[in-house]
């Protein structure tokens, strides 16, 4: 099955050949590198920008306002913070012009820890991004979801922030993208650039049928009745694995991969909470003004009398950064033991 890197590359290929993408821009996204995580290898419209995040976002806005359709990459989300004012302008353009302006632009950037990235390559951006009105925000956890949501992001007439978990970028998916070869090695030979000289290399793209995943739809990874675990990004497969483990011990956790942070699938969340009457939100962003706190607030307001236990959040510690040493990173970002303990405590908490 495709990896997340390959899935994004396949979606961008469909974007530039069938969906009108005119420019894929960012630091090192063009030849010969094709992106730090290789998500833009072999794409005809990919070109290298200067090392200037504000310039990348500003250029994308200009292209979109001029009627082009573009995808801009910020190499790591740690470097997108100095573009907040531009993101705010992009998000408000359609509203402030009473619908006269559209900005068909996607900004993609890898997020989260898990690669020993230390202070400058380990941040999350999900909570911050959901504070900027006018943007749709997605953070998938699988290759198939990355492909399907990127297609929807490209088609959208207004800005979409496409976040993806850098720690999972090489993980092979379990579910096929429609049209991809059955053998992962076959796909690699077709679309992965060789080592060394790439000057004459041309990818052999598979023929992919029309397929997308609507923005704003969650995915129930595991059904359960004792508690609801809502998560996304890197922690989705982790929560799923722990829920399966605890299922053997009689704890039935329902695990929901949110996939889209805005708009998000409130109907799926609410239906699950009404069933299980307990709620846990897991992510790796900082615990203060965390996106999970918003979900907890809404659940408390709208589903208070459905609850049998206080909602719980498992998130990263509210400290300035993440240390390079592995024990420091483990102590900062939620680990499997943290999630397992939270599920056990919440499932066993008396009403």
C-alpha atoms as a PDB file:
ATOM      1  CA  UNK A   1       0.000   0.000   0.000  1.00  0.00           C
ATOM      2  CA  UNK A   2       1.072   3.603  -0.558  1.00  0.00           C
ATOM      3  CA  UNK A   3       2.793   5.637   2.118  1.00  0.00           C
ATOM      4  CA  UNK A   4       1.536   9.065   3.139  1.00  0.00           C
ATOM      5  CA  UNK A   5       4.333  10.656   1.087  1.00  0.00           C
ATOM      6  CA  UNK A   6       3.327   8.680  -1.999  1.00  0.00           C
ATOM      7  CA  UNK A   7      -0.368   9.364  -1.412  1.00  0.00           C
ATOM      8  CA  UNK A   8       0.121  13.116  -1.296  1.00  0.00           C
ATOM      9  CA  UNK A   9       2.278  12.929  -4.423  1.00  0.00           C
ATOM     10  CA  UNK A  10      -0.399  10.943  -6.258  1.00  0.00           C
ATOM     11  CA  UNK A  11      -3.070  13.453  -5.252  1.00  0.00           C
ATOM     12  CA  UNK A  12      -0.940  16.381  -6.387  1.00  0.00           C
ATOM     13  CA  UNK A  13      -0.355  14.633  -9.720  1.00  0.00           C
ATOM     14  CA  UNK A  14      -4.115  14.307 -10.164  1.00  0.00           C
ATOM     15  CA  UNK A  15      -4.400  17.944  -9.118  1.00  0.00           C
ATOM     16  CA  UNK A  16      -2.039  19.246 -11.781  1.00  0.00           C
ATOM     17  CA  UNK A  17      -3.302  16.981 -14.572  1.00  0.00           C
ATOM     18  CA  UNK A  18      -7.063  16.944 -13.948  1.00  0.00           C
ATOM     19  CA  UNK A  19      -8.058  19.548 -11.355  1.00  0.00           C
ATOM     20  CA  UNK A  20      -6.384  22.689 -12.653  1.00  0.00           C
ATOM     21  CA  UNK A  21      -3.448  23.061 -10.255  1.00  0.00           C
ATOM     22  CA  UNK A  22      -1.081  25.532 -11.899  1.00  0.00           C
ATOM     23  CA  UNK A  23       1.657  25.868  -9.275  1.00  0.00           C
ATOM     24  CA  UNK A  24       3.129  23.725  -6.500  1.00  0.00           C
ATOM     25  CA  UNK A  25       5.633  25.911  -4.702  1.00  0.00           C
ATOM     26  CA  UNK A  26       7.842  25.840  -1.640  1.00  0.00           C
ATOM     27  CA  UNK A  27      11.361  25.336  -0.389  1.00  0.00           C
ATOM     28  CA  UNK A  28      13.001  22.401  -2.219  1.00  0.00           C
ATOM     29  CA  UNK A  29       9.671  21.073  -3.570  1.00  0.00           C
ATOM     30  CA  UNK A  30      10.909  21.151  -7.177  1.00  0.00           C
ATOM     31  CA  UNK A  31      13.662  19.061  -8.777  1.00  0.00           C
ATOM     32  CA  UNK A  32      15.944  17.509  -7.892  1.00  0.00           C
ATOM     33  CA  UNK A  33      14.815  16.940  -4.279  1.00  0.00           C
ATOM     34  CA  UNK A  34      11.041  16.890  -4.605  1.00  0.00           C
ATOM     35  CA  UNK A  35      10.511  17.968  -1.025  1.00  0.00           C
ATOM     36  CA  UNK A  36      12.162  16.987   2.255  1.00  0.00           C
ATOM     37  CA  UNK A  37       9.638  14.154   2.594  1.00  0.00           C
ATOM     38  CA  UNK A  38       9.525  13.483  -1.186  1.00  0.00           C
ATOM     39  CA  UNK A  39       5.840  14.429  -1.465  1.00  0.00           C
ATOM     40  CA  UNK A  40       6.432  16.489  -4.634  1.00  0.00           C
ATOM     41  CA  UNK A  41       8.818  14.268  -6.617  1.00  0.00           C
ATOM     42  CA  UNK A  42       8.202  14.171 -10.343  1.00  0.00           C
ATOM     43  CA  UNK A  43       5.463  16.815 -10.434  1.00  0.00           C
ATOM     44  CA  UNK A  44       5.495  19.063 -13.497  1.00  0.00           C
ATOM     45  CA  UNK A  45       4.237  22.235 -11.819  1.00  0.00           C
ATOM     46  CA  UNK A  46       6.484  22.051  -8.712  1.00  0.00           C
ATOM     47  CA  UNK A  47       9.073  24.813  -8.380  1.00  0.00           C
ATOM     48  CA  UNK A  48      11.531  25.928  -5.736  1.00  0.00           C
ATOM     49  CA  UNK A  49      10.789  29.143  -3.886  1.00  0.00           C
ATOM     50  CA  UNK A  50      13.266  31.262  -1.935  1.00  0.00           C
ATOM     51  CA  UNK A  51      13.710  30.345   1.740  1.00  0.00           C
ATOM     52  CA  UNK A  52      10.961  32.724   2.772  1.00  0.00           C
ATOM     53  CA  UNK A  53       7.758  31.451   4.349  1.00  0.00           C
ATOM     54  CA  UNK A  54       6.023  34.826   4.142  1.00  0.00           C
ATOM     55  CA  UNK A  55       6.954  34.994   0.481  1.00  0.00           C
ATOM     56  CA  UNK A  56       5.518  31.523  -0.109  1.00  0.00           C
ATOM     57  CA  UNK A  57       2.150  32.358   1.500  1.00  0.00           C
ATOM     58  CA  UNK A  58       2.022  35.788  -0.136  1.00  0.00           C
ATOM     59  CA  UNK A  59       2.769  34.317  -3.559  1.00  0.00           C
ATOM     60  CA  UNK A  60       0.101  31.652  -3.097  1.00  0.00           C
ATOM     61  CA  UNK A  61      -2.430  34.333  -2.171  1.00  0.00           C
ATOM     62  CA  UNK A  62      -1.517  36.379  -5.236  1.00  0.00           C
ATOM     63  CA  UNK A  63      -1.779  33.375  -7.542  1.00  0.00           C
ATOM     64  CA  UNK A  64      -5.153  32.410  -6.073  1.00  0.00           C
ATOM     65  CA  UNK A  65      -6.550  35.938  -6.323  1.00  0.00           C
ATOM     66  CA  UNK A  66      -5.382  36.051  -9.945  1.00  0.00           C
ATOM     67  CA  UNK A  67      -7.417  32.967 -10.778  1.00  0.00           C
ATOM     68  CA  UNK A  68      -4.731  30.307 -10.513  1.00  0.00           C
ATOM     69  CA  UNK A  69      -5.065  27.179  -8.366  1.00  0.00           C
ATOM     70  CA  UNK A  70      -1.977  26.470  -6.260  1.00  0.00           C
ATOM     71  CA  UNK A  71      -0.565  24.287  -3.509  1.00  0.00           C
ATOM     72  CA  UNK A  72       2.093  25.876  -1.286  1.00  0.00           C
ATOM     73  CA  UNK A  73       4.303  23.922   1.088  1.00  0.00           C
ATOM     74  CA  UNK A  74       5.835  25.171   4.315  1.00  0.00           C
ATOM     75  CA  UNK A  75       8.674  22.720   4.829  1.00  0.00           C
ATOM     76  CA  UNK A  76       7.941  22.249   8.556  1.00  0.00           C
ATOM     77  CA  UNK A  77       5.017  23.773  10.429  1.00  0.00           C
ATOM     78  CA  UNK A  78       7.478  25.270  12.924  1.00  0.00           C
ATOM     79  CA  UNK A  79       8.198  27.937  10.292  1.00  0.00           C
ATOM     80  CA  UNK A  80       4.607  28.866   9.458  1.00  0.00           C
ATOM     81  CA  UNK A  81       4.093  30.887  12.630  1.00  0.00           C
ATOM     82  CA  UNK A  82       5.614  34.036  11.091  1.00  0.00           C
ATOM     83  CA  UNK A  83       2.889  33.987   8.421  1.00  0.00           C
ATOM     84  CA  UNK A  84      -0.093  34.212  10.780  1.00  0.00           C
ATOM     85  CA  UNK A  85      -1.107  37.703   9.644  1.00  0.00           C
ATOM     86  CA  UNK A  86      -1.096  36.583   5.998  1.00  0.00           C
ATOM     87  CA  UNK A  87      -3.097  33.464   6.824  1.00  0.00           C
ATOM     88  CA  UNK A  88      -5.629  35.699   8.548  1.00  0.00           C
ATOM     89  CA  UNK A  89      -5.896  37.882   5.429  1.00  0.00           C
ATOM     90  CA  UNK A  90      -6.307  34.854   3.192  1.00  0.00           C
ATOM     91  CA  UNK A  91      -9.022  33.464   5.436  1.00  0.00           C
ATOM     92  CA  UNK A  92     -10.996  36.702   5.554  1.00  0.00           C
ATOM     93  CA  UNK A  93     -10.852  37.610   1.831  1.00  0.00           C
ATOM     94  CA  UNK A  94     -13.974  35.745   0.726  1.00  0.00           C
ATOM     95  CA  UNK A  95     -16.037  37.016   3.661  1.00  0.00           C
ATOM     96  CA  UNK A  96     -14.818  40.599   3.569  1.00  0.00           C
ATOM     97  CA  UNK A  97     -15.448  40.869  -0.192  1.00  0.00           C
ATOM     98  CA  UNK A  98     -19.019  39.547   0.208  1.00  0.00           C
ATOM     99  CA  UNK A  99     -18.080  36.529  -1.895  1.00  0.00           C
ATOM    100  CA  UNK A 100     -16.475  38.437  -4.751  1.00  0.00           C
ATOM    101  CA  UNK A 101     -12.983  36.995  -4.108  1.00  0.00           C
ATOM    102  CA  UNK A 102     -12.141  33.310  -3.919  1.00  0.00           C
ATOM    103  CA  UNK A 103      -8.753  31.905  -2.990  1.00  0.00           C
ATOM    104  CA  UNK A 104      -8.359  28.352  -4.350  1.00  0.00           C
ATOM    105  CA  UNK A 105      -5.134  27.670  -2.451  1.00  0.00           C
ATOM    106  CA  UNK A 106      -3.899  24.794  -0.328  1.00  0.00           C
ATOM    107  CA  UNK A 107      -1.103  25.169   2.203  1.00  0.00           C
ATOM    108  CA  UNK A 108       0.417  21.868   3.255  1.00  0.00           C
ATOM    109  CA  UNK A 109       2.898  21.377   6.082  1.00  0.00           C
ATOM    110  CA  UNK A 110       4.048  18.441   8.239  1.00  0.00           C
ATOM    111  CA  UNK A 111       3.283  18.644  11.944  1.00  0.00           C
ATOM    112  CA  UNK A 112       4.105  17.036  15.252  1.00  0.00           C
ATOM    113  CA  UNK A 113       6.945  15.259  16.982  1.00  0.00           C
ATOM    114  CA  UNK A 114       8.291  11.732  16.708  1.00  0.00           C
ATOM    115  CA  UNK A 115      11.371  12.239  14.513  1.00  0.00           C
ATOM    116  CA  UNK A 116      13.832  13.662  17.085  1.00  0.00           C
ATOM    117  CA  UNK A 117      13.271  17.094  15.579  1.00  0.00           C
ATOM    118  CA  UNK A 118      13.858  19.047  18.782  1.00  0.00           C
ATOM    119  CA  UNK A 119      12.856  22.696  19.119  1.00  0.00           C
ATOM    120  CA  UNK A 120      12.551  23.685  15.448  1.00  0.00           C
ATOM    121  CA  UNK A 121      11.042  20.583  13.848  1.00  0.00           C
ATOM    122  CA  UNK A 122       8.590  19.156  16.393  1.00  0.00           C
ATOM    123  CA  UNK A 123       5.798  21.663  16.874  1.00  0.00           C
ATOM    124  CA  UNK A 124       2.118  21.130  16.262  1.00  0.00           C
ATOM    125  CA  UNK A 125      -0.031  23.708  14.499  1.00  0.00           C
ATOM    126  CA  UNK A 126      -3.522  22.275  14.696  1.00  0.00           C
ATOM    127  CA  UNK A 127      -4.872  24.312  17.620  1.00  0.00           C
ATOM    128  CA  UNK A 128      -3.339  27.551  16.359  1.00  0.00           C
ATOM    129  CA  UNK A 129      -4.721  27.012  12.859  1.00  0.00           C
ATOM    130  CA  UNK A 130      -8.268  26.423  14.061  1.00  0.00           C
ATOM    131  CA  UNK A 131      -8.126  29.908  15.623  1.00  0.00           C
ATOM    132  CA  UNK A 132      -7.906  31.512  12.144  1.00  0.00           C
ATOM    133  CA  UNK A 133     -11.388  31.938  10.606  1.00  0.00           C
ATOM    134  CA  UNK A 134     -12.023  31.348   6.930  1.00  0.00           C
ATOM    135  CA  UNK A 135      -9.808  28.270   6.573  1.00  0.00           C
ATOM    136  CA  UNK A 136     -10.733  24.622   6.393  1.00  0.00           C
ATOM    137  CA  UNK A 137      -8.250  22.536   8.360  1.00  0.00           C
ATOM    138  CA  UNK A 138      -7.525  18.835   7.858  1.00  0.00           C
ATOM    139  CA  UNK A 139      -5.093  16.480   9.592  1.00  0.00           C
ATOM    140  CA  UNK A 140      -5.399  12.895   8.261  1.00  0.00           C
ATOM    141  CA  UNK A 141      -3.525   9.906   9.655  1.00  0.00           C
ATOM    142  CA  UNK A 142      -3.483   7.401   6.777  1.00  0.00           C
ATOM    143  CA  UNK A 143      -2.309   7.390   3.178  1.00  0.00           C
ATOM    144  CA  UNK A 144      -5.811   6.839   1.800  1.00  0.00           C
ATOM    145  CA  UNK A 145      -7.210   9.702   3.861  1.00  0.00           C
ATOM    146  CA  UNK A 146      -4.320  11.956   2.837  1.00  0.00           C
ATOM    147  CA  UNK A 147      -5.061  11.248  -0.816  1.00  0.00           C
ATOM    148  CA  UNK A 148      -8.807  11.706  -0.546  1.00  0.00           C
ATOM    149  CA  UNK A 149      -8.645  14.864   1.555  1.00  0.00           C
ATOM    150  CA  UNK A 150      -5.967  16.441  -0.636  1.00  0.00           C
ATOM    151  CA  UNK A 151      -8.217  15.979  -3.659  1.00  0.00           C
ATOM    152  CA  UNK A 152     -11.058  17.706  -1.777  1.00  0.00           C
ATOM    153  CA  UNK A 153      -8.692  20.458  -0.610  1.00  0.00           C
ATOM    154  CA  UNK A 154      -7.545  21.160  -4.173  1.00  0.00           C
ATOM    155  CA  UNK A 155     -11.131  21.317  -5.418  1.00  0.00           C
ATOM    156  CA  UNK A 156     -12.206  23.743  -2.699  1.00  0.00           C
ATOM    157  CA  UNK A 157     -12.621  27.342  -3.918  1.00  0.00           C
ATOM    158  CA  UNK A 158     -11.173  28.794  -0.722  1.00  0.00           C
ATOM    159  CA  UNK A 159      -8.138  28.210   1.544  1.00  0.00           C
ATOM    160  CA  UNK A 160      -7.467  24.801   3.035  1.00  0.00           C
ATOM    161  CA  UNK A 161      -4.678  24.056   5.505  1.00  0.00           C
ATOM    162  CA  UNK A 162      -3.495  20.502   4.878  1.00  0.00           C
ATOM    163  CA  UNK A 163      -1.553  19.227   7.885  1.00  0.00           C
ATOM    164  CA  UNK A 164       0.000  15.768   7.900  1.00  0.00           C
ATOM    165  CA  UNK A 165       1.921  13.875  10.630  1.00  0.00           C
ATOM    166  CA  UNK A 166       5.604  13.811   9.796  1.00  0.00           C
ATOM    167  CA  UNK A 167       6.188  10.781  12.049  1.00  0.00           C
ATOM    168  CA  UNK A 168       3.875   8.672   9.856  1.00  0.00           C
ATOM    169  CA  UNK A 169       4.979   9.942   6.459  1.00  0.00           C
ATOM    170  CA  UNK A 170       6.823   6.696   5.617  1.00  0.00           C
ATOM    171  CA  UNK A 171       4.228   4.366   7.135  1.00  0.00           C
ATOM    172  CA  UNK A 172       2.454   2.175   4.605  1.00  0.00           C
ATOM    173  CA  UNK A 173      -1.310   2.342   4.605  1.00  0.00           C
ATOM    174  CA  UNK A 174      -3.585  -0.629   5.206  1.00  0.00           C
ATOM    175  CA  UNK A 175      -6.333   0.531   2.860  1.00  0.00           C
ATOM    176  CA  UNK A 176      -5.645   0.939  -0.850  1.00  0.00           C
ATOM    177  CA  UNK A 177      -6.055   4.181  -2.688  1.00  0.00           C
ATOM    178  CA  UNK A 178      -8.377   3.302  -5.583  1.00  0.00           C
ATOM    179  CA  UNK A 179      -6.248   2.613  -8.638  1.00  0.00           C
ATOM    180  CA  UNK A 180      -2.895   2.080  -6.926  1.00  0.00           C
ATOM    181  CA  UNK A 181      -1.006  -1.167  -7.679  1.00  0.00           C
ATOM    182  CA  UNK A 182      -1.502  -4.107  -5.332  1.00  0.00           C
ATOM    183  CA  UNK A 183       2.238  -4.455  -4.741  1.00  0.00           C
ATOM    184  CA  UNK A 184       3.912  -1.539  -2.880  1.00  0.00           C
ATOM    185  CA  UNK A 185       7.193  -2.274  -4.669  1.00  0.00           C
ATOM    186  CA  UNK A 186       5.489  -1.807  -8.006  1.00  0.00           C
ATOM    187  CA  UNK A 187       4.230   1.619  -6.944  1.00  0.00           C
ATOM    188  CA  UNK A 188       7.677   2.565  -5.659  1.00  0.00           C
ATOM    189  CA  UNK A 189       9.301   1.638  -8.974  1.00  0.00           C
ATOM    190  CA  UNK A 190       6.687   3.711 -10.780  1.00  0.00           C
ATOM    191  CA  UNK A 191       6.760   6.979  -8.826  1.00  0.00           C
ATOM    192  CA  UNK A 192       9.761   7.049  -6.438  1.00  0.00           C
ATOM    193  CA  UNK A 193      12.798   8.833  -7.844  1.00  0.00           C
ATOM    194  CA  UNK A 194      16.044   6.820  -7.908  1.00  0.00           C
ATOM    195  CA  UNK A 195      19.054   7.720  -5.834  1.00  0.00           C
ATOM    196  CA  UNK A 196      21.791   9.665  -7.560  1.00  0.00           C
ATOM    197  CA  UNK A 197      21.275  11.372 -10.897  1.00  0.00           C
ATOM    198  CA  UNK A 198      17.594  12.108 -11.524  1.00  0.00           C
ATOM    199  CA  UNK A 199      17.989  14.388 -14.514  1.00  0.00           C
ATOM    200  CA  UNK A 200      16.454  11.911 -16.970  1.00  0.00           C
ATOM    201  CA  UNK A 201      13.976  10.233 -14.582  1.00  0.00           C
ATOM    202  CA  UNK A 202      10.283  10.462 -15.413  1.00  0.00           C
ATOM    203  CA  UNK A 203       7.631   8.946 -13.113  1.00  0.00           C
ATOM    204  CA  UNK A 204       5.175   6.397 -14.489  1.00  0.00           C
ATOM    205  CA  UNK A 205       1.946   7.499 -12.862  1.00  0.00           C
ATOM    206  CA  UNK A 206      -0.813   4.920 -12.288  1.00  0.00           C
ATOM    207  CA  UNK A 207      -4.261   5.651 -13.685  1.00  0.00           C
ATOM    208  CA  UNK A 208      -6.406   6.692 -10.727  1.00  0.00           C
ATOM    209  CA  UNK A 209     -10.213   6.832 -10.790  1.00  0.00           C
ATOM    210  CA  UNK A 210     -12.144   9.751  -9.364  1.00  0.00           C
ATOM    211  CA  UNK A 211     -12.000   9.438  -5.577  1.00  0.00           C
ATOM    212  CA  UNK A 212     -12.109  11.925  -2.722  1.00  0.00           C
ATOM    213  CA  UNK A 213     -13.038  12.165   0.954  1.00  0.00           C
ATOM    214  CA  UNK A 214     -15.289  15.084   1.901  1.00  0.00           C
ATOM    215  CA  UNK A 215     -13.770  17.585   4.296  1.00  0.00           C
ATOM    216  CA  UNK A 216     -15.623  17.474   7.610  1.00  0.00           C
ATOM    217  CA  UNK A 217     -16.231  13.721   7.858  1.00  0.00           C
ATOM    218  CA  UNK A 218     -14.739  11.629  10.657  1.00  0.00           C
ATOM    219  CA  UNK A 219     -13.833   7.943  10.497  1.00  0.00           C
ATOM    220  CA  UNK A 220     -14.814   5.479  13.219  1.00  0.00           C
ATOM    221  CA  UNK A 221     -11.720   3.292  13.569  1.00  0.00           C
ATOM    222  CA  UNK A 222     -13.246   1.016  16.220  1.00  0.00           C
ATOM    223  CA  UNK A 223     -16.728   0.722  17.657  1.00  0.00           C
ATOM    224  CA  UNK A 224     -17.193   0.539  21.419  1.00  0.00           C
ATOM    225  CA  UNK A 225     -19.610   1.219  24.249  1.00  0.00           C
ATOM    226  CA  UNK A 226     -17.604   2.181  27.359  1.00  0.00           C
ATOM    227  CA  UNK A 227     -16.031   5.487  26.253  1.00  0.00           C
ATOM    228  CA  UNK A 228     -15.407   7.634  23.188  1.00  0.00           C
ATOM    229  CA  UNK A 229     -11.816   8.439  22.182  1.00  0.00           C
ATOM    230  CA  UNK A 230     -11.577  11.233  19.609  1.00  0.00           C
ATOM    231  CA  UNK A 231      -8.172  11.849  18.088  1.00  0.00           C
ATOM    232  CA  UNK A 232      -6.399  12.662  14.823  1.00  0.00           C
ATOM    233  CA  UNK A 233      -2.984  12.682  13.141  1.00  0.00           C
ATOM    234  CA  UNK A 234      -0.180  10.634  14.657  1.00  0.00           C
ATOM    235  CA  UNK A 235      -2.230   9.541  17.641  1.00  0.00           C
ATOM    236  CA  UNK A 236      -5.071   7.992  15.639  1.00  0.00           C
ATOM    237  CA  UNK A 237      -3.325   4.663  14.934  1.00  0.00           C
ATOM    238  CA  UNK A 238      -1.835   4.742  18.438  1.00  0.00           C
ATOM    239  CA  UNK A 239      -5.258   5.093  20.089  1.00  0.00           C
ATOM    240  CA  UNK A 240      -6.671   2.421  17.802  1.00  0.00           C
ATOM    241  CA  UNK A 241      -3.927  -0.011  18.794  1.00  0.00           C
ATOM    242  CA  UNK A 242      -4.391   0.650  22.510  1.00  0.00           C
ATOM    243  CA  UNK A 243      -8.168   0.292  22.241  1.00  0.00           C
ATOM    244  CA  UNK A 244      -7.725  -3.094  20.574  1.00  0.00           C
ATOM    245  CA  UNK A 245      -5.371  -4.157  23.360  1.00  0.00           C
ATOM    246  CA  UNK A 246      -7.743  -3.060  26.116  1.00  0.00           C
ATOM    247  CA  UNK A 247     -10.659  -4.690  24.318  1.00  0.00           C
ATOM    248  CA  UNK A 248      -9.114  -8.041  25.192  1.00  0.00           C
ATOM    249  CA  UNK A 249      -9.422  -7.002  28.862  1.00  0.00           C
ATOM    250  CA  UNK A 250     -13.065  -6.037  28.605  1.00  0.00           C
ATOM    251  CA  UNK A 251     -12.723  -2.267  28.076  1.00  0.00           C
ATOM    252  CA  UNK A 252     -14.729  -1.289  24.999  1.00  0.00           C
ATOM    253  CA  UNK A 253     -13.436   2.027  23.609  1.00  0.00           C
ATOM    254  CA  UNK A 254     -14.880   3.643  20.504  1.00  0.00           C
ATOM    255  CA  UNK A 255     -12.082   5.377  18.560  1.00  0.00           C
ATOM    256  CA  UNK A 256     -12.862   8.207  16.136  1.00  0.00           C
ATOM    257  CA  UNK A 257     -10.261   9.649  13.770  1.00  0.00           C
ATOM    258  CA  UNK A 258     -11.511  13.197  13.288  1.00  0.00           C
ATOM    259  CA  UNK A 259      -9.501  13.774  10.057  1.00  0.00           C
ATOM    260  CA  UNK A 260     -10.948  17.298   9.664  1.00  0.00           C
ATOM    261  CA  UNK A 261     -10.565  19.873  12.434  1.00  0.00           C
ATOM    262  CA  UNK A 262     -12.665  22.508  10.724  1.00  0.00           C
ATOM    263  CA  UNK A 263     -15.337  21.830   9.819  1.00  0.00           C
ATOM    264  CA  UNK A 264     -15.453  18.817  12.109  1.00  0.00           C
ATOM    265  CA  UNK A 265     -17.937  15.966  12.272  1.00  0.00           C
ATOM    266  CA  UNK A 266     -19.995  16.939  15.304  1.00  0.00           C
ATOM    267  CA  UNK A 267     -22.774  14.482  14.470  1.00  0.00           C
ATOM    268  CA  UNK A 268     -20.409  11.492  14.706  1.00  0.00           C
ATOM    269  CA  UNK A 269     -18.883  12.761  17.952  1.00  0.00           C
ATOM    270  CA  UNK A 270     -22.222  13.528  19.590  1.00  0.00           C
ATOM    271  CA  UNK A 271     -23.759  10.217  18.554  1.00  0.00           C
ATOM    272  CA  UNK A 272     -20.823   8.349  20.052  1.00  0.00           C
ATOM    273  CA  UNK A 273     -20.865  10.298  23.311  1.00  0.00           C
ATOM    274  CA  UNK A 274     -24.610   9.697  23.719  1.00  0.00           C
ATOM    275  CA  UNK A 275     -23.847   5.988  23.418  1.00  0.00           C
ATOM    276  CA  UNK A 276     -20.750   5.703  25.615  1.00  0.00           C
ATOM    277  CA  UNK A 277     -21.375   8.657  27.998  1.00  0.00           C
ATOM    278  CA  UNK A 278     -17.631   9.215  28.440  1.00  0.00           C
ATOM    279  CA  UNK A 279     -15.242  11.313  26.333  1.00  0.00           C
ATOM    280  CA  UNK A 280     -11.482  11.401  25.890  1.00  0.00           C
ATOM    281  CA  UNK A 281      -9.653  13.646  23.418  1.00  0.00           C
ATOM    282  CA  UNK A 282      -6.043  12.847  22.496  1.00  0.00           C
ATOM    283  CA  UNK A 283      -3.597  14.980  20.500  1.00  0.00           C
ATOM    284  CA  UNK A 284       0.019  16.144  20.670  1.00  0.00           C
ATOM    285  CA  UNK A 285      -0.471  19.917  20.676  1.00  0.00           C
ATOM    286  CA  UNK A 286       0.086  21.960  23.833  1.00  0.00           C
ATOM    287  CA  UNK A 287      -2.524  21.553  26.560  1.00  0.00           C
ATOM    288  CA  UNK A 288      -3.334  25.270  26.919  1.00  0.00           C
ATOM    289  CA  UNK A 289      -6.080  26.518  24.522  1.00  0.00           C
ATOM    290  CA  UNK A 290      -5.943  23.114  22.859  1.00  0.00           C
ATOM    291  CA  UNK A 291      -8.417  22.151  20.130  1.00  0.00           C
ATOM    292  CA  UNK A 292      -9.532  19.293  22.357  1.00  0.00           C
ATOM    293  CA  UNK A 293     -10.616  21.847  24.944  1.00  0.00           C
ATOM    294  CA  UNK A 294     -13.072  23.245  22.418  1.00  0.00           C
ATOM    295  CA  UNK A 295     -14.588  19.803  21.897  1.00  0.00           C
ATOM    296  CA  UNK A 296     -14.820  19.289  25.651  1.00  0.00           C
ATOM    297  CA  UNK A 297     -16.512  22.679  26.068  1.00  0.00           C
ATOM    298  CA  UNK A 298     -19.092  21.891  23.416  1.00  0.00           C
ATOM    299  CA  UNK A 299     -19.756  18.421  24.804  1.00  0.00           C
ATOM    300  CA  UNK A 300     -20.170  19.870  28.296  1.00  0.00           C
ATOM    301  CA  UNK A 301     -22.587  22.514  27.021  1.00  0.00           C
ATOM    302  CA  UNK A 302     -24.693  20.371  24.716  1.00  0.00           C
ATOM    303  CA  UNK A 303     -24.378  16.862  26.157  1.00  0.00           C
ATOM    304  CA  UNK A 304     -23.887  17.528  29.871  1.00  0.00           C
ATOM    305  CA  UNK A 305     -26.787  15.332  30.992  1.00  0.00           C
ATOM    306  CA  UNK A 306     -25.589  12.497  28.774  1.00  0.00           C
ATOM    307  CA  UNK A 307     -22.243  12.250  30.589  1.00  0.00           C
ATOM    308  CA  UNK A 308     -21.413   9.812  33.363  1.00  0.00           C
ATOM    309  CA  UNK A 309     -17.856  11.097  33.917  1.00  0.00           C
ATOM    310  CA  UNK A 310     -15.950  14.351  33.365  1.00  0.00           C
ATOM    311  CA  UNK A 311     -14.494  14.643  29.834  1.00  0.00           C
ATOM    312  CA  UNK A 312     -10.721  14.263  29.698  1.00  0.00           C
ATOM    313  CA  UNK A 313      -7.919  15.659  27.533  1.00  0.00           C
ATOM    314  CA  UNK A 314      -4.545  14.016  26.914  1.00  0.00           C
ATOM    315  CA  UNK A 315      -2.195  16.478  25.220  1.00  0.00           C
ATOM    316  CA  UNK A 316       1.404  17.700  25.267  1.00  0.00           C
ATOM    317  CA  UNK A 317       2.798  19.611  28.194  1.00  0.00           C
ATOM    318  CA  UNK A 318       2.515  23.393  27.976  1.00  0.00           C
ATOM    319  CA  UNK A 319       6.229  24.123  27.653  1.00  0.00           C
ATOM    320  CA  UNK A 320       8.083  26.216  25.025  1.00  0.00           C
ATOM    321  CA  UNK A 321       9.429  23.318  22.996  1.00  0.00           C
ATOM    322  CA  UNK A 322      10.499  19.693  22.758  1.00  0.00           C
ATOM    323  CA  UNK A 323      13.974  18.541  23.711  1.00  0.00           C
ATOM    324  CA  UNK A 324      16.277  16.658  21.356  1.00  0.00           C
ATOM    325  CA  UNK A 325      16.959  13.812  23.795  1.00  0.00           C
ATOM    326  CA  UNK A 326      14.405  11.038  23.367  1.00  0.00           C
ATOM    327  CA  UNK A 327      13.452  10.951  27.086  1.00  0.00           C
ATOM    328  CA  UNK A 328      12.679  14.683  26.923  1.00  0.00           C
ATOM    329  CA  UNK A 329      10.413  14.225  23.921  1.00  0.00           C
ATOM    330  CA  UNK A 330       8.708  11.249  25.554  1.00  0.00           C
ATOM    331  CA  UNK A 331       8.096  13.318  28.688  1.00  0.00           C
ATOM    332  CA  UNK A 332       6.532  16.139  26.652  1.00  0.00           C
ATOM    333  CA  UNK A 333       4.274  14.504  24.051  1.00  0.00           C
ATOM    334  CA  UNK A 334       1.619  11.878  24.931  1.00  0.00           C
ATOM    335  CA  UNK A 335       3.010   8.353  24.813  1.00  0.00           C
ATOM    336  CA  UNK A 336       1.185   5.000  24.634  1.00  0.00           C
ATOM    337  CA  UNK A 337       1.275   4.577  28.409  1.00  0.00           C
ATOM    338  CA  UNK A 338      -0.327   8.012  28.894  1.00  0.00           C
ATOM    339  CA  UNK A 339      -3.191   7.147  26.555  1.00  0.00           C
ATOM    340  CA  UNK A 340      -3.687   3.687  28.023  1.00  0.00           C
ATOM    341  CA  UNK A 341      -3.799   5.054  31.562  1.00  0.00           C
ATOM    342  CA  UNK A 342      -6.326   7.727  30.580  1.00  0.00           C
ATOM    343  CA  UNK A 343      -8.596   5.184  28.904  1.00  0.00           C
ATOM    344  CA  UNK A 344      -8.433   2.857  31.912  1.00  0.00           C
ATOM    345  CA  UNK A 345      -9.167   5.637  34.389  1.00  0.00           C
ATOM    346  CA  UNK A 346     -12.059   7.066  32.396  1.00  0.00           C
ATOM    347  CA  UNK A 347     -13.622   3.675  31.681  1.00  0.00           C
ATOM    348  CA  UNK A 348     -13.515   2.713  35.346  1.00  0.00           C
ATOM    349  CA  UNK A 349     -14.595   6.060  36.793  1.00  0.00           C
ATOM    350  CA  UNK A 350     -17.850   5.729  38.747  1.00  0.00           C
ATOM    351  CA  UNK A 351     -20.781   7.837  37.658  1.00  0.00           C
END
